[in-house]
PDB file of N, CA and C in Angstrom:
ATOM      1  N   MET A   1      87.654 104.388 304.094  1.00  0.00           N
ATOM      2  CA  MET A   1      87.805 106.555 304.315  1.00  0.00           C
ATOM      3  C   MET A   1      87.163 106.974 303.468  1.00  0.00           C
ATOM      4  N   LYS A   2      85.495 107.672 303.905  1.00  0.00           N
ATOM      5  CA  LYS A   2      85.269 108.341 302.690  1.00  0.00           C
ATOM      6  C   LYS A   2      85.535 110.068 302.516  1.00  0.00           C
ATOM      7  N   ASP A   3      85.971 110.351 301.473  1.00  0.00           N
ATOM      8  CA  ASP A   3      86.464 111.782 301.178  1.00  0.00           C
ATOM      9  C   ASP A   3      85.448 112.616 301.432  1.00  0.00           C
ATOM     10  N   SER A   4      85.540 114.155 301.912  1.00  0.00           N
ATOM     11  CA  SER A   4      84.266 114.864 303.108  1.00  0.00           C
ATOM     12  C   SER A   4      83.243 115.404 301.907  1.00  0.00           C
ATOM     13  N   THR A   5      83.427 115.846 300.795  1.00  0.00           N
ATOM     14  CA  THR A   5      83.426 116.601 299.902  1.00  0.00           C
ATOM     15  C   THR A   5      82.385 115.713 299.013  1.00  0.00           C
ATOM     16  N   THR A   6      82.970 114.009 299.008  1.00  0.00           N
ATOM     17  CA  THR A   6      81.958 113.818 297.786  1.00  0.00           C
ATOM     18  C   THR A   6      81.905 112.263 298.347  1.00  0.00           C
ATOM     19  N   ASN A   7      80.969 111.322 297.743  1.00  0.00           N
ATOM     20  CA  ASN A   7      81.028 109.802 298.087  1.00  0.00           C
ATOM     21  C   ASN A   7      81.532 108.413 297.406  1.00  0.00           C
ATOM     22  N   ILE A   8      82.821 109.509 297.182  1.00  0.00           N
ATOM     23  CA  ILE A   8      83.569 108.306 297.149  1.00  0.00           C
ATOM     24  C   ILE A   8      84.659 107.975 297.607  1.00  0.00           C
ATOM     25  N   ARG A   9      84.961 106.173 297.846  1.00  0.00           N
ATOM     26  CA  ARG A   9      85.431 105.698 298.518  1.00  0.00           C
ATOM     27  C   ARG A   9      87.355 105.730 298.145  1.00  0.00           C
ATOM     28  N   LYS A  10      88.178 106.578 299.374  1.00  0.00           N
ATOM     29  CA  LYS A  10      89.624 106.701 298.481  1.00  0.00           C
ATOM     30  C   LYS A  10      90.114 104.817 298.856  1.00  0.00           C
ATOM     31  N   ARG A  11      90.713 103.747 297.312  1.00  0.00           N
ATOM     32  CA  ARG A  11      91.259 102.856 297.491  1.00  0.00           C
ATOM     33  C   ARG A  11      92.993 102.768 297.717  1.00  0.00           C
ATOM     34  N   GLY A  12      92.887 101.735 297.629  1.00  0.00           N
ATOM     35  CA  GLY A  12      94.566 101.621 297.883  1.00  0.00           C
ATOM     36  C   GLY A  12      95.503 102.636 298.928  1.00  0.00           C
ATOM     37  N   PHE A  13      96.633 102.964 298.204  1.00  0.00           N
ATOM     38  CA  PHE A  13      97.180 103.779 298.879  1.00  0.00           C
ATOM     39  C   PHE A  13      96.532 105.121 299.143  1.00  0.00           C
ATOM     40  N   ALA A  14      95.851 106.072 298.299  1.00  0.00           N
ATOM     41  CA  ALA A  14      94.879 107.103 298.654  1.00  0.00           C
ATOM     42  C   ALA A  14      94.216 106.821 299.918  1.00  0.00           C
ATOM     43  N   SER A  15      94.016 105.678 300.810  1.00  0.00           N
ATOM     44  CA  SER A  15      93.610 105.168 301.540  1.00  0.00           C
ATOM     45  C   SER A  15      94.111 105.569 302.855  1.00  0.00           C
ATOM     46  N   LEU A  16      95.529 105.379 302.739  1.00  0.00           N
ATOM     47  CA  LEU A  16      97.165 105.297 303.771  1.00  0.00           C
ATOM     48  C   LEU A  16      96.410 106.622 304.159  1.00  0.00           C
ATOM     49  N   SER A  17      97.512 106.695 305.605  1.00  0.00           N
ATOM     50  CA  SER A  17      97.674 108.375 305.752  1.00  0.00           C
ATOM     51  C   SER A  17      98.866 108.220 305.261  1.00  0.00           C
ATOM     52  N   ILE A  18      99.009 109.712 305.095  1.00  0.00           N
ATOM     53  CA  ILE A  18     100.710 110.433 304.718  1.00  0.00           C
ATOM     54  C   ILE A  18     102.328 109.712 305.130  1.00  0.00           C
ATOM     55  N   GLU A  19     101.869 109.321 306.273  1.00  0.00           N
ATOM     56  CA  GLU A  19     103.108 109.095 307.443  1.00  0.00           C
ATOM     57  C   GLU A  19     103.255 107.817 306.591  1.00  0.00           C
ATOM     58  N   ASP A  20     102.031 107.216 306.588  1.00  0.00           N
ATOM     59  CA  ASP A  20     102.341 105.104 305.681  1.00  0.00           C
ATOM     60  C   ASP A  20     102.778 105.593 304.294  1.00  0.00           C
ATOM     61  N   ARG A  21     102.196 106.309 303.560  1.00  0.00           N
ATOM     62  CA  ARG A  21     102.515 106.370 302.574  1.00  0.00           C
ATOM     63  C   ARG A  21     104.624 106.448 302.012  1.00  0.00           C
ATOM     64  N   LYS A  22     104.985 107.565 303.398  1.00  0.00           N
ATOM     65  CA  LYS A  22     105.764 107.859 303.061  1.00  0.00           C
ATOM     66  C   LYS A  22     107.150 106.747 303.712  1.00  0.00           C
ATOM     67  N   ARG A  23     106.422 105.870 304.401  1.00  0.00           N
ATOM     68  CA  ARG A  23     107.247 105.246 304.775  1.00  0.00           C
ATOM     69  C   ARG A  23     107.395 103.747 304.617  1.00  0.00           C
ATOM     70  N   ILE A  24     106.473 103.686 303.146  1.00  0.00           N
ATOM     71  CA  ILE A  24     106.595 102.437 302.332  1.00  0.00           C
ATOM     72  C   ILE A  24     106.944 102.741 301.480  1.00  0.00           C
ATOM     73  N   ALA A  25     107.251 103.991 300.650  1.00  0.00           N
ATOM     74  CA  ALA A  25     108.099 104.903 299.658  1.00  0.00           C
ATOM     75  C   ALA A  25     109.203 104.613 299.799  1.00  0.00           C
ATOM     76  N   SER A  26     109.410 104.575 301.148  1.00  0.00           N
ATOM     77  CA  SER A  26     110.728 105.265 301.473  1.00  0.00           C
ATOM     78  C   SER A  26     111.405 103.349 301.780  1.00  0.00           C
ATOM     79  N   LEU A  27     110.562 102.824 301.756  1.00  0.00           N
ATOM     80  CA  LEU A  27     111.168 101.378 302.087  1.00  0.00           C
ATOM     81  C   LEU A  27     111.652 100.872 300.960  1.00  0.00           C
ATOM     82  N   GLY A  28     110.218 101.386 299.483  1.00  0.00           N
ATOM     83  CA  GLY A  28     111.177 100.798 298.287  1.00  0.00           C
ATOM     84  C   GLY A  28     111.644 101.197 298.617  1.00  0.00           C
ATOM     85  N   GLY A  29     112.665 102.863 297.642  1.00  0.00           N
ATOM     86  CA  GLY A  29     114.241 103.583 297.230  1.00  0.00           C
ATOM     87  C   GLY A  29     115.039 102.540 298.129  1.00  0.00           C
ATOM     88  N   LYS A  30     114.785 102.073 300.018  1.00  0.00           N
ATOM     89  CA  LYS A  30     115.149 101.893 299.606  1.00  0.00           C
ATOM     90  C   LYS A  30     116.009 100.490 298.960  1.00  0.00           C
ATOM     91  N   ALA A  31     115.126  99.728 299.306  1.00  0.00           N
ATOM     92  CA  ALA A  31     115.943  98.078 298.407  1.00  0.00           C
ATOM     93  C   ALA A  31     115.680  98.573 297.506  1.00  0.00           C
ATOM     94  N   ALA A  32     115.401  98.933 295.922  1.00  0.00           N
ATOM     95  CA  ALA A  32     116.004  99.367 294.572  1.00  0.00           C
ATOM     96  C   ALA A  32     118.041 100.020 294.880  1.00  0.00           C
ATOM     97  N   HIS A  33     118.131 101.280 296.132  1.00  0.00           N
ATOM     98  CA  HIS A  33     119.228 101.209 296.349  1.00  0.00           C
ATOM     99  C   HIS A  33     119.948  99.758 296.770  1.00  0.00           C
ATOM    100  N   ALA A  34     119.989  99.008 297.443  1.00  0.00           N
ATOM    101  CA  ALA A  34     119.720  97.324 297.716  1.00  0.00           C
ATOM    102  C   ALA A  34     120.816  96.368 296.930  1.00  0.00           C
ATOM    103  N   LYS A  35     119.411  97.044 295.911  1.00  0.00           N
ATOM    104  CA  LYS A  35     119.066  95.700 295.441  1.00  0.00           C
ATOM    105  C   LYS A  35     120.462  96.329 293.902  1.00  0.00           C
ATOM    106  N   GLY A  36     120.408  97.159 293.672  1.00  0.00           N
ATOM    107  CA  GLY A  36     121.701  98.534 292.837  1.00  0.00           C
ATOM    108  C   GLY A  36     120.440  98.808 291.149  1.00  0.00           C
ATOM    109  N   THR A  37     119.532  98.757 291.291  1.00  0.00           N
ATOM    110  CA  THR A  37     118.558  99.609 290.369  1.00  0.00           C
ATOM    111  C   THR A  37     117.469 100.372 290.462  1.00  0.00           C
ATOM    112  N   ALA A  38     118.316 101.596 291.516  1.00  0.00           N
ATOM    113  CA  ALA A  38     117.734 102.983 291.978  1.00  0.00           C
ATOM    114  C   ALA A  38     118.426 103.866 290.813  1.00  0.00           C
ATOM    115  N   HIS A  39     117.800 104.699 290.554  1.00  0.00           N
ATOM    116  CA  HIS A  39     117.925 105.577 289.320  1.00  0.00           C
ATOM    117  C   HIS A  39     119.584 106.343 290.339  1.00  0.00           C
ATOM    118  N   GLN A  40     120.410 106.837 289.120  1.00  0.00           N
ATOM    119  CA  GLN A  40     121.379 107.838 290.392  1.00  0.00           C
ATOM    120  C   GLN A  40     121.506 109.022 289.085  1.00  0.00           C
ATOM    121  N   PHE A  41     120.819 110.545 289.454  1.00  0.00           N
ATOM    122  CA  PHE A  41     121.256 111.205 288.467  1.00  0.00           C
ATOM    123  C   PHE A  41     122.086 111.548 288.506  1.00  0.00           C
ATOM    124  N   THR A  42     122.397 111.960 287.087  1.00  0.00           N
ATOM    125  CA  THR A  42     124.127 112.973 286.964  1.00  0.00           C
ATOM    126  C   THR A  42     123.624 114.158 287.254  1.00  0.00           C
ATOM    127  N   SER A  43     125.245 114.959 286.791  1.00  0.00           N
ATOM    128  CA  SER A  43     124.545 116.570 287.545  1.00  0.00           C
ATOM    129  C   SER A  43     124.055 117.227 286.096  1.00  0.00           C
ATOM    130  N   GLU A  44     124.536 116.441 284.891  1.00  0.00           N
ATOM    131  CA  GLU A  44     123.405 117.416 283.792  1.00  0.00           C
ATOM    132  C   GLU A  44     121.954 117.352 284.213  1.00  0.00           C
ATOM    133  N   GLU A  45     122.013 116.457 284.147  1.00  0.00           N
ATOM    134  CA  GLU A  45     120.548 115.387 284.718  1.00  0.00           C
ATOM    135  C   GLU A  45     119.836 116.961 286.171  1.00  0.00           C
ATOM    136  N   ALA A  46     120.646 116.525 286.877  1.00  0.00           N
ATOM    137  CA  ALA A  46     120.227 117.174 288.289  1.00  0.00           C
ATOM    138  C   ALA A  46     120.098 118.936 288.260  1.00  0.00           C
ATOM    139  N   ALA A  47     120.863 118.892 286.947  1.00  0.00           N
ATOM    140  CA  ALA A  47     120.680 120.544 286.061  1.00  0.00           C
ATOM    141  C   ALA A  47     119.738 120.956 285.615  1.00  0.00           C
ATOM    142  N   ALA A  48     119.789 119.658 284.935  1.00  0.00           N
ATOM    143  CA  ALA A  48     118.441 120.130 283.794  1.00  0.00           C
ATOM    144  C   ALA A  48     116.610 120.139 284.860  1.00  0.00           C
ATOM    145  N   ALA A  49     117.561 119.521 285.566  1.00  0.00           N
ATOM    146  CA  ALA A  49     115.405 119.864 286.109  1.00  0.00           C
ATOM    147  C   ALA A  49     115.785 120.841 287.647  1.00  0.00           C
ATOM    148  N   GLY A  50     116.759 121.214 288.073  1.00  0.00           N
ATOM    149  CA  GLY A  50     117.096 122.716 288.487  1.00  0.00           C
ATOM    150  C   GLY A  50     116.574 123.742 288.066  1.00  0.00           C
ATOM    151  N   LYS A  51     116.628 123.719 286.089  1.00  0.00           N
ATOM    152  CA  LYS A  51     116.375 125.151 285.497  1.00  0.00           C
ATOM    153  C   LYS A  51     114.509 125.196 285.283  1.00  0.00           C
ATOM    154  N   ARG A  52     114.027 123.798 285.156  1.00  0.00           N
ATOM    155  CA  ARG A  52     112.318 123.545 284.621  1.00  0.00           C
ATOM    156  C   ARG A  52     112.007 124.116 286.486  1.00  0.00           C
ATOM    157  N   ARG A  53     112.247 123.885 287.491  1.00  0.00           N
ATOM    158  CA  ARG A  53     111.505 124.027 289.208  1.00  0.00           C
ATOM    159  C   ARG A  53     111.387 125.397 288.820  1.00  0.00           C
ATOM    160  N   GLY A  54     109.705 125.404 288.869  1.00  0.00           N
ATOM    161  CA  GLY A  54     108.596 126.571 288.878  1.00  0.00           C
ATOM    162  C   GLY A  54     107.688 126.638 287.733  1.00  0.00           C
ATOM    163  N   GLN A  55     108.106 126.153 286.225  1.00  0.00           N
ATOM    164  CA  GLN A  55     108.347 125.815 285.389  1.00  0.00           C
ATOM    165  C   GLN A  55     106.977 125.195 285.068  1.00  0.00           C
ATOM    166  N   PRO A  56     105.542 125.398 284.433  1.00  0.00           N
ATOM    167  CA  PRO A  56     104.842 124.676 284.255  1.00  0.00           C
ATOM    168  C   PRO A  56     104.681 123.885 283.374  1.00  0.00           C
ATOM    169  N   ARG A  57     103.797 123.231 283.622  1.00  0.00           N
ATOM    170  CA  ARG A  57     104.258 121.460 283.295  1.00  0.00           C
ATOM    171  C   ARG A  57     104.071 121.597 280.997  1.00  0.00           C
ATOM    172  N   SER A  58     103.387 122.616 280.347  1.00  0.00           N
ATOM    173  CA  SER A  58     103.336 123.190 279.069  1.00  0.00           C
ATOM    174  C   SER A  58     105.046 123.555 278.611  1.00  0.00           C
ATOM    175  N   ALA A  59     105.159 124.271 279.702  1.00  0.00           N
ATOM    176  CA  ALA A  59     107.053 125.190 279.082  1.00  0.00           C
ATOM    177  C   ALA A  59     107.840 124.176 279.788  1.00  0.00           C
ATOM    178  N   ARG A  60     107.621 123.313 280.585  1.00  0.00           N
ATOM    179  CA  ARG A  60     109.135 122.001 280.128  1.00  0.00           C
ATOM    180  C   ARG A  60     108.849 121.258 279.086  1.00  0.00           C
ATOM    181  N   ILE A  61     107.440 120.987 278.834  1.00  0.00           N
ATOM    182  CA  ILE A  61     107.228 119.988 277.479  1.00  0.00           C
ATOM    183  C   ILE A  61     108.215 121.230 275.947  1.00  0.00           C
ATOM    184  N   GLN A  62     107.775 122.389 275.798  1.00  0.00           N
ATOM    185  CA  GLN A  62     108.595 123.436 274.637  1.00  0.00           C
ATOM    186  C   GLN A  62     109.950 122.887 275.199  1.00  0.00           C
ATOM    187  N   SER A  63     109.920 123.108 276.729  1.00  0.00           N
ATOM    188  CA  SER A  63     111.780 123.636 276.355  1.00  0.00           C
ATOM    189  C   SER A  63     112.833 121.658 276.155  1.00  0.00           C
ATOM    190  N   LYS A  64     111.796 120.603 276.652  1.00  0.00           N
ATOM    191  CA  LYS A  64     112.338 119.437 276.319  1.00  0.00           C
ATOM    192  C   LYS A  64     112.837 119.883 274.806  1.00  0.00           C
ATOM    193  N   GLU A  65     111.850 119.445 273.707  1.00  0.00           N
ATOM    194  CA  GLU A  65     110.979 119.884 273.204  1.00  0.00           C
ATOM    195  C   GLU A  65     113.092 120.758 272.118  1.00  0.00           C
ATOM    196  N   LEU A  66     112.931 121.838 272.523  1.00  0.00           N
ATOM    197  CA  LEU A  66     113.844 122.928 271.768  1.00  0.00           C
ATOM    198  C   LEU A  66     115.224 122.035 271.946  1.00  0.00           C
ATOM    199  N   GLU A  67     115.626 121.396 273.298  1.00  0.00           N
ATOM    200  CA  GLU A  67     116.685 120.786 273.875  1.00  0.00           C
ATOM    201  C   GLU A  67     116.982 119.691 272.267  1.00  0.00           C
ATOM    202  N   ASN A  68     115.802 118.840 272.247  1.00  0.00           N
ATOM    203  CA  ASN A  68     116.457 117.581 271.778  1.00  0.00           C
ATOM    204  C   ASN A  68     116.481 118.104 270.429  1.00  0.00           C
ATOM    205  N   GLU A  69     115.905 119.272 269.499  1.00  0.00           N
ATOM    206  CA  GLU A  69     115.930 119.831 268.159  1.00  0.00           C
ATOM    207  C   GLU A  69     117.621 120.620 268.287  1.00  0.00           C
ATOM    208  N   GLN A  70     117.395 120.921 269.442  1.00  0.00           N
ATOM    209  CA  GLN A  70     119.021 121.412 269.891  1.00  0.00           C
ATOM    210  C   GLN A  70     120.144 120.419 269.544  1.00  0.00           C
ATOM    211  N   SER A  71     120.311 119.892 270.169  1.00  0.00           N
ATOM    212  CA  SER A  71     120.949 118.225 270.644  1.00  0.00           C
ATOM    213  C   SER A  71     120.925 117.631 269.249  1.00  0.00           C
ATOM    214  N   LYS A  72     119.765 117.708 268.104  1.00  0.00           N
ATOM    215  CA  LYS A  72     119.902 116.542 266.865  1.00  0.00           C
ATOM    216  C   LYS A  72     120.730 117.458 265.812  1.00  0.00           C
ATOM    217  N   THR A  73     120.964 118.505 265.853  1.00  0.00           N
ATOM    218  CA  THR A  73     121.996 119.904 264.844  1.00  0.00           C
ATOM    219  C   THR A  73     122.887 119.556 265.394  1.00  0.00           C
ATOM    220  N   MET A  74     123.528 119.423 266.413  1.00  0.00           N
ATOM    221  CA  MET A  74     124.760 119.460 267.300  1.00  0.00           C
ATOM    222  C   MET A  74     125.620 118.492 266.382  1.00  0.00           C
TER     223      MET A  74
END
């Protein structure tokens, strides 16, 4: 499948339809949970992610650095 704006050919997962990519990702997630190696978010991690939602990446990095500095002083 060629990209309509360039002559670059998509390879690997990029050449798959969105539905196929979602299906494969779902299978991987289910396998990880069945194996017991999937990441389980704690309520603290989920709260931190919610606070970062919508912020530009640079703001998230600065926020994380500030959190790290504050945790070192406590």
